[in-house]
Amino acid sequence: MHVVNLPWYDLPELERETNALWAGIARHLRKEGIDAPDRLDRDTEYDAQWLEPSLLFSQACGYDVLYDHSSYLQVIATPRYAARGCEGACYRSAIVVRENGHAPGIAELKGKRAVVNDATSHSGTNALRAMVAPHAKGGRFFSEVKVSGAHTESLAMLACNEADVACIDLVVWDLCERARPAALKGLRKLAETEKAPAPPFVTARNTSPEMLKRLRMALFNAMADASLTSAREALLLDGVELLPPSAYNELWLFEDIARQHSYFELPAPRTSPLSRVP
């Protein structure tokens, strides 16, 4: 039995639309001769699913494709998002603070309490490193760094004054603005990060080249399926692109900024990219 999930932007308020999108993708997969499950697996942790040889379809951070899960995942294609700040198959994050905060710029965040969603997140951690590293001294910038487990949890921690700054995926921000506006109340964007390739749709590393070709065909057809227009629009999906395998190496450029400034304060993945050989 194949394992499938769409964990990245699966807000409970948009579950119906996510289910509709998957039903459409599954329909096109079956047209390609692939036995696709009817339902997404929301009961198993997504990173546990990524280790399954039977993983057929999921979504992951580009960081996961580069590092901790590089031996288990391969890219199907990269989505295009219609969120503000996204361009083509690239996305950005926003440095977010409370509206009543008195930080006019990044430098003024020195000594504040930061929260990141996950150590292996580009949008919440790697992109933030690159923004604050030039302002750090002695490898330090924040007074404290917490890990929330999700962008939505980071927003909640900002709102209730458990943290002062977070780096939030702009797709998450725009989805919350549509489906969960109360989560953004009292918060503001201070700055935006540089663009990077968006979180790709992925399959197991052992998926055969022929199967991968059929997965891509089905996905591209689903993104052009008029019956899925409302689901795609609700999820801010504007299509998919097939990027070259080297595209996600761009994430190393963000790390290099941190390395150049000897800034290692924020949590690093287990196979620490900040200590990689150039």
C-alpha atoms as a PDB file:
ATOM      1  CA  MET A   1       0.000   0.000   0.000  1.00  0.00           C
ATOM      2  CA  HIS A   2       1.393   3.383  -0.996  1.00  0.00           C
ATOM      3  CA  VAL A   3       1.923   6.136   1.587  1.00  0.00           C
ATOM      4  CA  VAL A   4       0.637   9.600   0.649  1.00  0.00           C
ATOM      5  CA  ASN A   5       0.321  12.928   2.444  1.00  0.00           C
ATOM      6  CA  LEU A   6       0.325  16.671   1.819  1.00  0.00           C
ATOM      7  CA  PRO A   7       1.639  17.854   5.193  1.00  0.00           C
ATOM      8  CA  TRP A   8       3.183  21.213   4.441  1.00  0.00           C
ATOM      9  CA  TYR A   9       0.238  23.613   4.300  1.00  0.00           C
ATOM     10  CA  ASP A  10      -2.496  21.332   5.631  1.00  0.00           C
ATOM     11  CA  LEU A  11      -4.370  23.770   7.888  1.00  0.00           C
ATOM     12  CA  PRO A  12      -7.459  22.199   9.513  1.00  0.00           C
ATOM     13  CA  GLU A  13      -9.551  25.076   8.133  1.00  0.00           C
ATOM     14  CA  LEU A  14      -8.512  24.053   4.602  1.00  0.00           C
ATOM     15  CA  GLU A  15      -8.780  20.287   5.028  1.00  0.00           C
ATOM     16  CA  ARG A  16     -11.706  20.037   2.608  1.00  0.00           C
ATOM     17  CA  GLU A  17      -9.729  21.806  -0.124  1.00  0.00           C
ATOM     18  CA  THR A  18      -6.612  19.734   0.553  1.00  0.00           C
ATOM     19  CA  ASN A  19      -8.672  16.555   0.340  1.00  0.00           C
ATOM     20  CA  ALA A  20     -10.204  17.740  -2.933  1.00  0.00           C
ATOM     21  CA  LEU A  21      -6.761  18.460  -4.355  1.00  0.00           C
ATOM     22  CA  TRP A  22      -5.518  15.021  -3.390  1.00  0.00           C
ATOM     23  CA  ALA A  23      -8.612  13.347  -4.850  1.00  0.00           C
ATOM     24  CA  GLY A  24      -7.833  15.071  -8.133  1.00  0.00           C
ATOM     25  CA  ILE A  25      -4.157  14.141  -8.072  1.00  0.00           C
ATOM     26  CA  ALA A  26      -5.083  10.544  -7.205  1.00  0.00           C
ATOM     27  CA  ARG A  27      -7.499  10.445 -10.130  1.00  0.00           C
ATOM     28  CA  HIS A  28      -4.752  11.508 -12.516  1.00  0.00           C
ATOM     29  CA  LEU A  29      -2.316   9.041 -10.938  1.00  0.00           C
ATOM     30  CA  ARG A  30      -4.750   6.218 -11.650  1.00  0.00           C
ATOM     31  CA  LYS A  31      -4.983   7.376 -15.260  1.00  0.00           C
ATOM     32  CA  GLU A  32      -1.222   6.802 -15.360  1.00  0.00           C
ATOM     33  CA  GLY A  33      -1.679   3.274 -14.023  1.00  0.00           C
ATOM     34  CA  ILE A  34      -0.644   4.068 -10.426  1.00  0.00           C
ATOM     35  CA  ASP A  35      -2.714   2.593  -7.590  1.00  0.00           C
ATOM     36  CA  ALA A  36      -3.125   5.772  -5.506  1.00  0.00           C
ATOM     37  CA  PRO A  37      -4.829   5.701  -2.084  1.00  0.00           C
ATOM     38  CA  ASP A  38      -8.116   7.569  -1.733  1.00  0.00           C
ATOM     39  CA  ARG A  39      -7.123   9.319   1.482  1.00  0.00           C
ATOM     40  CA  LEU A  40      -4.134  11.162   2.844  1.00  0.00           C
ATOM     41  CA  ASP A  41      -2.404   9.668   5.889  1.00  0.00           C
ATOM     42  CA  ARG A  42      -2.650  12.336   8.569  1.00  0.00           C
ATOM     43  CA  ASP A  43      -2.079   9.927  11.463  1.00  0.00           C
ATOM     44  CA  THR A  44       1.624   9.182  10.906  1.00  0.00           C
ATOM     45  CA  GLU A  45       4.297  11.843  11.450  1.00  0.00           C
ATOM     46  CA  TYR A  46       5.420  13.125   8.059  1.00  0.00           C
ATOM     47  CA  ASP A  47       9.133  12.571   8.723  1.00  0.00           C
ATOM     48  CA  ALA A  48       8.375   8.955   9.640  1.00  0.00           C
ATOM     49  CA  GLN A  49       6.489   8.620   6.357  1.00  0.00           C
ATOM     50  CA  TRP A  50       9.517   9.887   4.467  1.00  0.00           C
ATOM     51  CA  LEU A  51      11.487   6.852   5.677  1.00  0.00           C
ATOM     52  CA  GLU A  52       8.947   4.453   4.177  1.00  0.00           C
ATOM     53  CA  PRO A  53      10.087   2.734   0.950  1.00  0.00           C
ATOM     54  CA  SER A  54       6.391   2.767  -0.032  1.00  0.00           C
ATOM     55  CA  LEU A  55       6.181   6.584   0.047  1.00  0.00           C
ATOM     56  CA  LEU A  56       4.429   7.618  -3.151  1.00  0.00           C
ATOM     57  CA  PHE A  57       3.665  11.314  -2.687  1.00  0.00           C
ATOM     58  CA  SER A  58       4.407  13.934  -0.053  1.00  0.00           C
ATOM     59  CA  GLN A  59       5.913  17.390   0.360  1.00  0.00           C
ATOM     60  CA  ALA A  60       9.115  18.372   2.143  1.00  0.00           C
ATOM     61  CA  CYS A  61      11.363  21.323   2.832  1.00  0.00           C
ATOM     62  CA  GLY A  62      14.219  21.713   0.389  1.00  0.00           C
ATOM     63  CA  TYR A  63      16.484  21.385   3.408  1.00  0.00           C
ATOM     64  CA  ASP A  64      15.213  17.842   3.984  1.00  0.00           C
ATOM     65  CA  VAL A  65      15.975  16.960   0.376  1.00  0.00           C
ATOM     66  CA  LEU A  66      19.528  18.242   0.860  1.00  0.00           C
ATOM     67  CA  TYR A  67      20.313  16.820   4.275  1.00  0.00           C
ATOM     68  CA  ASP A  68      18.723  14.537   6.844  1.00  0.00           C
ATOM     69  CA  HIS A  69      16.357  12.841   4.401  1.00  0.00           C
ATOM     70  CA  SER A  70      18.441  13.052   1.232  1.00  0.00           C
ATOM     71  CA  SER A  71      18.918   9.263   1.244  1.00  0.00           C
ATOM     72  CA  TYR A  72      15.144   8.692   1.356  1.00  0.00           C
ATOM     73  CA  LEU A  73      13.562  11.374  -0.843  1.00  0.00           C
ATOM     74  CA  GLN A  74      13.661  12.526  -4.433  1.00  0.00           C
ATOM     75  CA  VAL A  75      11.883  15.497  -5.985  1.00  0.00           C
ATOM     76  CA  ILE A  76       8.827  15.026  -8.174  1.00  0.00           C
ATOM     77  CA  ALA A  77       8.356  18.730  -8.987  1.00  0.00           C
ATOM     78  CA  THR A  78       8.324  22.142  -7.313  1.00  0.00           C
ATOM     79  CA  PRO A  79       5.046  24.012  -6.738  1.00  0.00           C
ATOM     80  CA  ARG A  80       4.404  27.592  -7.712  1.00  0.00           C
ATOM     81  CA  TYR A  81       2.515  29.597  -5.090  1.00  0.00           C
ATOM     82  CA  ALA A  82       0.381  32.702  -5.529  1.00  0.00           C
ATOM     83  CA  ALA A  83       1.253  34.037  -2.069  1.00  0.00           C
ATOM     84  CA  ARG A  84       2.651  37.542  -1.911  1.00  0.00           C
ATOM     85  CA  GLY A  85       6.434  37.498  -2.155  1.00  0.00           C
ATOM     86  CA  CYS A  86       6.502  34.257  -4.151  1.00  0.00           C
ATOM     87  CA  GLU A  87       7.938  34.302  -7.664  1.00  0.00           C
ATOM     88  CA  GLY A  88       7.659  31.376 -10.044  1.00  0.00           C
ATOM     89  CA  ALA A  89       8.746  28.240  -8.178  1.00  0.00           C
ATOM     90  CA  CYS A  90      10.388  30.304  -5.426  1.00  0.00           C
ATOM     91  CA  TYR A  91       9.040  31.498  -2.091  1.00  0.00           C
ATOM     92  CA  ARG A  92      10.106  33.776   0.740  1.00  0.00           C
ATOM     93  CA  SER A  93       9.636  34.160   4.467  1.00  0.00           C
ATOM     94  CA  ALA A  94       8.800  37.230   6.520  1.00  0.00           C
ATOM     95  CA  ILE A  95      10.523  38.343   9.699  1.00  0.00           C
ATOM     96  CA  VAL A  96       7.500  38.820  11.959  1.00  0.00           C
ATOM     97  CA  VAL A  97       7.189  40.819  15.185  1.00  0.00           C
ATOM     98  CA  ARG A  98       4.322  42.208  17.244  1.00  0.00           C
ATOM     99  CA  GLU A  99       2.719  45.411  16.033  1.00  0.00           C
ATOM    100  CA  ASN A 100       3.555  47.160  19.292  1.00  0.00           C
ATOM    101  CA  GLY A 101       7.220  46.214  19.023  1.00  0.00           C
ATOM    102  CA  HIS A 102       9.690  49.051  18.505  1.00  0.00           C
ATOM    103  CA  ALA A 103      12.082  47.413  16.031  1.00  0.00           C
ATOM    104  CA  PRO A 104      12.429  49.513  12.865  1.00  0.00           C
ATOM    105  CA  GLY A 105      14.853  47.008  11.313  1.00  0.00           C
ATOM    106  CA  ILE A 106      16.707  43.711  11.701  1.00  0.00           C
ATOM    107  CA  ALA A 107      19.598  45.191  13.689  1.00  0.00           C
ATOM    108  CA  GLU A 108      17.189  46.359  16.389  1.00  0.00           C
ATOM    109  CA  LEU A 109      16.104  42.777  17.053  1.00  0.00           C
ATOM    110  CA  LYS A 110      19.392  42.121  18.837  1.00  0.00           C
ATOM    111  CA  GLY A 111      18.763  40.703  22.301  1.00  0.00           C
ATOM    112  CA  LYS A 112      15.167  39.720  21.508  1.00  0.00           C
ATOM    113  CA  ARG A 113      13.662  36.249  22.000  1.00  0.00           C
ATOM    114  CA  ALA A 114      13.376  34.264  18.765  1.00  0.00           C
ATOM    115  CA  VAL A 115      11.253  31.250  17.918  1.00  0.00           C
ATOM    116  CA  VAL A 116      11.862  28.931  14.956  1.00  0.00           C
ATOM    117  CA  ASN A 117       9.546  26.219  13.708  1.00  0.00           C
ATOM    118  CA  ASP A 118      12.169  23.492  13.252  1.00  0.00           C
ATOM    119  CA  ALA A 119      15.922  23.009  13.062  1.00  0.00           C
ATOM    120  CA  THR A 120      15.707  21.606   9.526  1.00  0.00           C
ATOM    121  CA  SER A 121      13.432  24.333   8.170  1.00  0.00           C
ATOM    122  CA  HIS A 122      14.747  26.649   5.509  1.00  0.00           C
ATOM    123  CA  SER A 123      11.846  29.077   5.778  1.00  0.00           C
ATOM    124  CA  GLY A 124      11.950  29.343   9.572  1.00  0.00           C
ATOM    125  CA  THR A 125      15.610  28.843  10.456  1.00  0.00           C
ATOM    126  CA  ASN A 126      18.042  28.890   7.534  1.00  0.00           C
ATOM    127  CA  ALA A 127      16.541  32.047   6.019  1.00  0.00           C
ATOM    128  CA  LEU A 128      16.544  33.745   9.428  1.00  0.00           C
ATOM    129  CA  ARG A 129      20.237  32.939   9.971  1.00  0.00           C
ATOM    130  CA  ALA A 130      21.161  34.785   6.808  1.00  0.00           C
ATOM    131  CA  MET A 131      19.182  37.858   7.855  1.00  0.00           C
ATOM    132  CA  VAL A 132      20.633  38.272  11.340  1.00  0.00           C
ATOM    133  CA  ALA A 133      24.175  36.907  10.869  1.00  0.00           C
ATOM    134  CA  PRO A 134      25.654  40.224   9.618  1.00  0.00           C
ATOM    135  CA  HIS A 135      24.431  41.900  12.829  1.00  0.00           C
ATOM    136  CA  ALA A 136      25.669  39.217  15.250  1.00  0.00           C
ATOM    137  CA  LYS A 137      28.685  39.606  17.520  1.00  0.00           C
ATOM    138  CA  GLY A 138      30.644  36.734  18.960  1.00  0.00           C
ATOM    139  CA  GLY A 139      28.234  34.293  17.324  1.00  0.00           C
ATOM    140  CA  ARG A 140      25.287  35.697  19.295  1.00  0.00           C
ATOM    141  CA  PHE A 141      22.342  37.864  18.356  1.00  0.00           C
ATOM    142  CA  PHE A 142      19.213  36.742  20.219  1.00  0.00           C
ATOM    143  CA  SER A 143      18.832  36.459  23.991  1.00  0.00           C
ATOM    144  CA  GLU A 144      16.977  33.159  23.578  1.00  0.00           C
ATOM    145  CA  VAL A 145      15.954  30.794  20.784  1.00  0.00           C
ATOM    146  CA  LYS A 146      12.964  28.444  21.137  1.00  0.00           C
ATOM    147  CA  VAL A 147      11.681  25.746  18.775  1.00  0.00           C
ATOM    148  CA  SER A 148       7.890  25.664  18.283  1.00  0.00           C
ATOM    149  CA  GLY A 149       7.392  22.725  15.908  1.00  0.00           C
ATOM    150  CA  ALA A 150       5.324  24.625  13.310  1.00  0.00           C
ATOM    151  CA  HIS A 151       4.980  28.083  11.770  1.00  0.00           C
ATOM    152  CA  THR A 152       1.460  28.374  13.157  1.00  0.00           C
ATOM    153  CA  GLU A 153       2.791  27.608  16.637  1.00  0.00           C
ATOM    154  CA  SER A 154       5.492  30.250  16.189  1.00  0.00           C
ATOM    155  CA  LEU A 155       2.779  32.789  15.341  1.00  0.00           C
ATOM    156  CA  ALA A 156       0.877  31.788  18.481  1.00  0.00           C
ATOM    157  CA  MET A 157       3.990  32.212  20.625  1.00  0.00           C
ATOM    158  CA  LEU A 158       4.528  35.702  19.195  1.00  0.00           C
ATOM    159  CA  ALA A 159       0.921  36.645  19.829  1.00  0.00           C
ATOM    160  CA  CYS A 160       1.021  35.593  23.496  1.00  0.00           C
ATOM    161  CA  ASN A 161       4.424  37.220  24.133  1.00  0.00           C
ATOM    162  CA  GLU A 162       6.373  33.988  24.538  1.00  0.00           C
ATOM    163  CA  ALA A 163       8.742  35.212  21.806  1.00  0.00           C
ATOM    164  CA  ASP A 164       9.537  38.495  20.081  1.00  0.00           C
ATOM    165  CA  VAL A 165      10.499  37.486  16.540  1.00  0.00           C
ATOM    166  CA  ALA A 166       9.918  34.611  14.132  1.00  0.00           C
ATOM    167  CA  CYS A 167      10.626  33.858  10.487  1.00  0.00           C
ATOM    168  CA  ILE A 168       7.367  32.757   8.852  1.00  0.00           C
ATOM    169  CA  ASP A 169       6.831  31.118   5.467  1.00  0.00           C
ATOM    170  CA  LEU A 170       4.815  33.623   3.400  1.00  0.00           C
ATOM    171  CA  VAL A 171       2.594  30.834   2.072  1.00  0.00           C
ATOM    172  CA  VAL A 172       1.622  30.077   5.683  1.00  0.00           C
ATOM    173  CA  TRP A 173       1.080  33.789   6.346  1.00  0.00           C
ATOM    174  CA  ASP A 174      -1.255  34.233   3.373  1.00  0.00           C
ATOM    175  CA  LEU A 175      -3.148  31.006   4.104  1.00  0.00           C
ATOM    176  CA  CYS A 176      -3.662  32.151   7.702  1.00  0.00           C
ATOM    177  CA  GLU A 177      -4.808  35.552   6.481  1.00  0.00           C
ATOM    178  CA  ARG A 178      -7.503  33.781   4.456  1.00  0.00           C
ATOM    179  CA  ALA A 179      -8.478  30.923   6.765  1.00  0.00           C
ATOM    180  CA  ARG A 180      -7.267  31.896  10.253  1.00  0.00           C
ATOM    181  CA  PRO A 181      -6.984  35.707  10.412  1.00  0.00           C
ATOM    182  CA  ALA A 182      -7.076  35.779  14.211  1.00  0.00           C
ATOM    183  CA  ALA A 183      -3.635  34.097  14.191  1.00  0.00           C
ATOM    184  CA  LEU A 184      -2.139  37.258  12.667  1.00  0.00           C
ATOM    185  CA  LYS A 185      -3.869  39.779  14.904  1.00  0.00           C
ATOM    186  CA  GLY A 186      -1.366  42.108  16.545  1.00  0.00           C
ATOM    187  CA  LEU A 187       1.520  40.910  14.343  1.00  0.00           C
ATOM    188  CA  ARG A 188       3.370  42.599  11.501  1.00  0.00           C
ATOM    189  CA  LYS A 189       5.994  41.824   8.883  1.00  0.00           C
ATOM    190  CA  LEU A 190       9.258  43.600   9.563  1.00  0.00           C
ATOM    191  CA  ALA A 191      11.177  42.396   6.493  1.00  0.00           C
ATOM    192  CA  GLU A 192      11.228  39.655   3.879  1.00  0.00           C
ATOM    193  CA  THR A 193      13.998  37.150   3.190  1.00  0.00           C
ATOM    194  CA  GLU A 194      15.602  36.425  -0.165  1.00  0.00           C
ATOM    195  CA  LYS A 195      13.731  34.015  -2.415  1.00  0.00           C
ATOM    196  CA  ALA A 196      14.526  30.273  -2.539  1.00  0.00           C
ATOM    197  CA  PRO A 197      13.036  27.215  -4.282  1.00  0.00           C
ATOM    198  CA  ALA A 198       9.674  26.310  -2.742  1.00  0.00           C
ATOM    199  CA  PRO A 199       9.112  23.098  -0.733  1.00  0.00           C
ATOM    200  CA  PRO A 200       9.019  20.330  -3.362  1.00  0.00           C
ATOM    201  CA  PHE A 201       6.605  17.471  -3.854  1.00  0.00           C
ATOM    202  CA  VAL A 202       8.607  14.320  -3.165  1.00  0.00           C
ATOM    203  CA  THR A 203       8.549  10.537  -3.465  1.00  0.00           C
ATOM    204  CA  ALA A 204      10.738   7.756  -2.085  1.00  0.00           C
ATOM    205  CA  ARG A 205      14.317   7.577  -3.307  1.00  0.00           C
ATOM    206  CA  ASN A 206      13.685   4.035  -4.553  1.00  0.00           C
ATOM    207  CA  THR A 207      10.799   5.119  -6.807  1.00  0.00           C
ATOM    208  CA  SER A 208      11.796   3.964 -10.277  1.00  0.00           C
ATOM    209  CA  PRO A 209      12.530   6.432 -13.108  1.00  0.00           C
ATOM    210  CA  GLU A 210       9.492   5.135 -14.990  1.00  0.00           C
ATOM    211  CA  MET A 211       7.218   5.594 -11.957  1.00  0.00           C
ATOM    212  CA  LEU A 212       8.694   9.060 -11.351  1.00  0.00           C
ATOM    213  CA  LYS A 213       7.884  10.007 -14.931  1.00  0.00           C
ATOM    214  CA  ARG A 214       4.258   8.927 -14.440  1.00  0.00           C
ATOM    215  CA  LEU A 215       4.034  10.784 -11.108  1.00  0.00           C
ATOM    216  CA  ARG A 216       5.167  13.958 -12.817  1.00  0.00           C
ATOM    217  CA  MET A 217       2.732  13.529 -15.691  1.00  0.00           C
ATOM    218  CA  ALA A 218      -0.166  13.016 -13.289  1.00  0.00           C
ATOM    219  CA  LEU A 219       0.833  16.012 -11.153  1.00  0.00           C
ATOM    220  CA  PHE A 220       1.177  18.358 -14.125  1.00  0.00           C
ATOM    221  CA  ASN A 221      -2.192  17.185 -15.452  1.00  0.00           C
ATOM    222  CA  ALA A 222      -3.808  17.753 -12.055  1.00  0.00           C
ATOM    223  CA  MET A 223      -2.460  21.289 -11.975  1.00  0.00           C
ATOM    224  CA  ALA A 224      -4.103  21.937 -15.343  1.00  0.00           C
ATOM    225  CA  ASP A 225      -7.404  20.242 -14.420  1.00  0.00           C
ATOM    226  CA  ALA A 226     -10.200  22.829 -14.475  1.00  0.00           C
ATOM    227  CA  SER A 227     -12.241  20.821 -11.962  1.00  0.00           C
ATOM    228  CA  LEU A 228      -9.503  21.433  -9.372  1.00  0.00           C
ATOM    229  CA  THR A 229      -9.317  25.205  -9.893  1.00  0.00           C
ATOM    230  CA  SER A 230     -11.148  26.139  -6.692  1.00  0.00           C
ATOM    231  CA  ALA A 231      -9.065  23.770  -4.573  1.00  0.00           C
ATOM    232  CA  ARG A 232      -5.822  25.051  -6.085  1.00  0.00           C
ATOM    233  CA  GLU A 233      -6.836  28.678  -5.601  1.00  0.00           C
ATOM    234  CA  ALA A 234      -7.838  28.093  -1.980  1.00  0.00           C
ATOM    235  CA  LEU A 235      -4.412  26.529  -1.339  1.00  0.00           C
ATOM    236  CA  LEU A 236      -2.634  29.290  -3.328  1.00  0.00           C
ATOM    237  CA  LEU A 237      -1.268  26.733  -5.813  1.00  0.00           C
ATOM    238  CA  ASP A 238      -0.450  28.278  -9.179  1.00  0.00           C
ATOM    239  CA  GLY A 239       1.091  25.232 -10.876  1.00  0.00           C
ATOM    240  CA  VAL A 240       4.303  23.206 -10.724  1.00  0.00           C
ATOM    241  CA  GLU A 241       7.725  23.381 -12.343  1.00  0.00           C
ATOM    242  CA  LEU A 242      10.442  20.828 -12.963  1.00  0.00           C
ATOM    243  CA  LEU A 243      13.608  22.478 -11.643  1.00  0.00           C
ATOM    244  CA  PRO A 244      17.124  21.157 -12.307  1.00  0.00           C
ATOM    245  CA  PRO A 245      18.501  18.834  -9.582  1.00  0.00           C
ATOM    246  CA  SER A 246      20.944  21.539  -8.504  1.00  0.00           C
ATOM    247  CA  ALA A 247      18.215  24.093  -7.752  1.00  0.00           C
ATOM    248  CA  TYR A 248      18.040  23.350  -4.027  1.00  0.00           C
ATOM    249  CA  ASN A 249      21.766  23.929  -3.668  1.00  0.00           C
ATOM    250  CA  GLU A 250      20.752  27.591  -3.484  1.00  0.00           C
ATOM    251  CA  LEU A 251      19.891  26.966   0.164  1.00  0.00           C
ATOM    252  CA  TRP A 252      23.611  26.624   0.834  1.00  0.00           C
ATOM    253  CA  LEU A 253      24.031  30.304  -0.083  1.00  0.00           C
ATOM    254  CA  PHE A 254      21.982  31.250   2.978  1.00  0.00           C
ATOM    255  CA  GLU A 255      24.211  29.034   5.130  1.00  0.00           C
ATOM    256  CA  ASP A 256      27.329  30.565   3.655  1.00  0.00           C
ATOM    257  CA  ILE A 257      26.299  33.985   4.928  1.00  0.00           C
ATOM    258  CA  ALA A 258      26.070  32.550   8.447  1.00  0.00           C
ATOM    259  CA  ARG A 259      29.411  30.794   8.074  1.00  0.00           C
ATOM    260  CA  GLN A 260      31.113  33.963   6.844  1.00  0.00           C
ATOM    261  CA  HIS A 261      29.980  35.723  10.021  1.00  0.00           C
ATOM    262  CA  SER A 262      30.718  32.730  12.297  1.00  0.00           C
ATOM    263  CA  TYR A 263      27.085  32.730  13.333  1.00  0.00           C
ATOM    264  CA  PHE A 264      25.906  29.376  14.694  1.00  0.00           C
ATOM    265  CA  GLU A 265      23.360  30.425  17.312  1.00  0.00           C
ATOM    266  CA  LEU A 266      20.229  29.062  15.652  1.00  0.00           C
ATOM    267  CA  PRO A 267      19.672  25.282  15.743  1.00  0.00           C
ATOM    268  CA  ALA A 268      21.279  23.284  12.943  1.00  0.00           C
ATOM    269  CA  PRO A 269      20.132  19.995  11.379  1.00  0.00           C
ATOM    270  CA  ARG A 270      21.610  16.750  12.664  1.00  0.00           C
ATOM    271  CA  THR A 271      23.957  16.487   9.682  1.00  0.00           C
ATOM    272  CA  SER A 272      25.022  20.051  10.320  1.00  0.00           C
ATOM    273  CA  PRO A 273      25.087  21.987   7.022  1.00  0.00           C
ATOM    274  CA  LEU A 274      26.897  24.831   8.730  1.00  0.00           C
ATOM    275  CA  SER A 275      29.921  22.605   9.155  1.00  0.00           C
ATOM    276  CA  ARG A 276      29.964  21.211   5.625  1.00  0.00           C
ATOM    277  CA  VAL A 277      33.120  21.453   3.568  1.00  0.00           C
ATOM    278  CA  PRO A 278      32.821  24.310   1.049  1.00  0.00           C
END
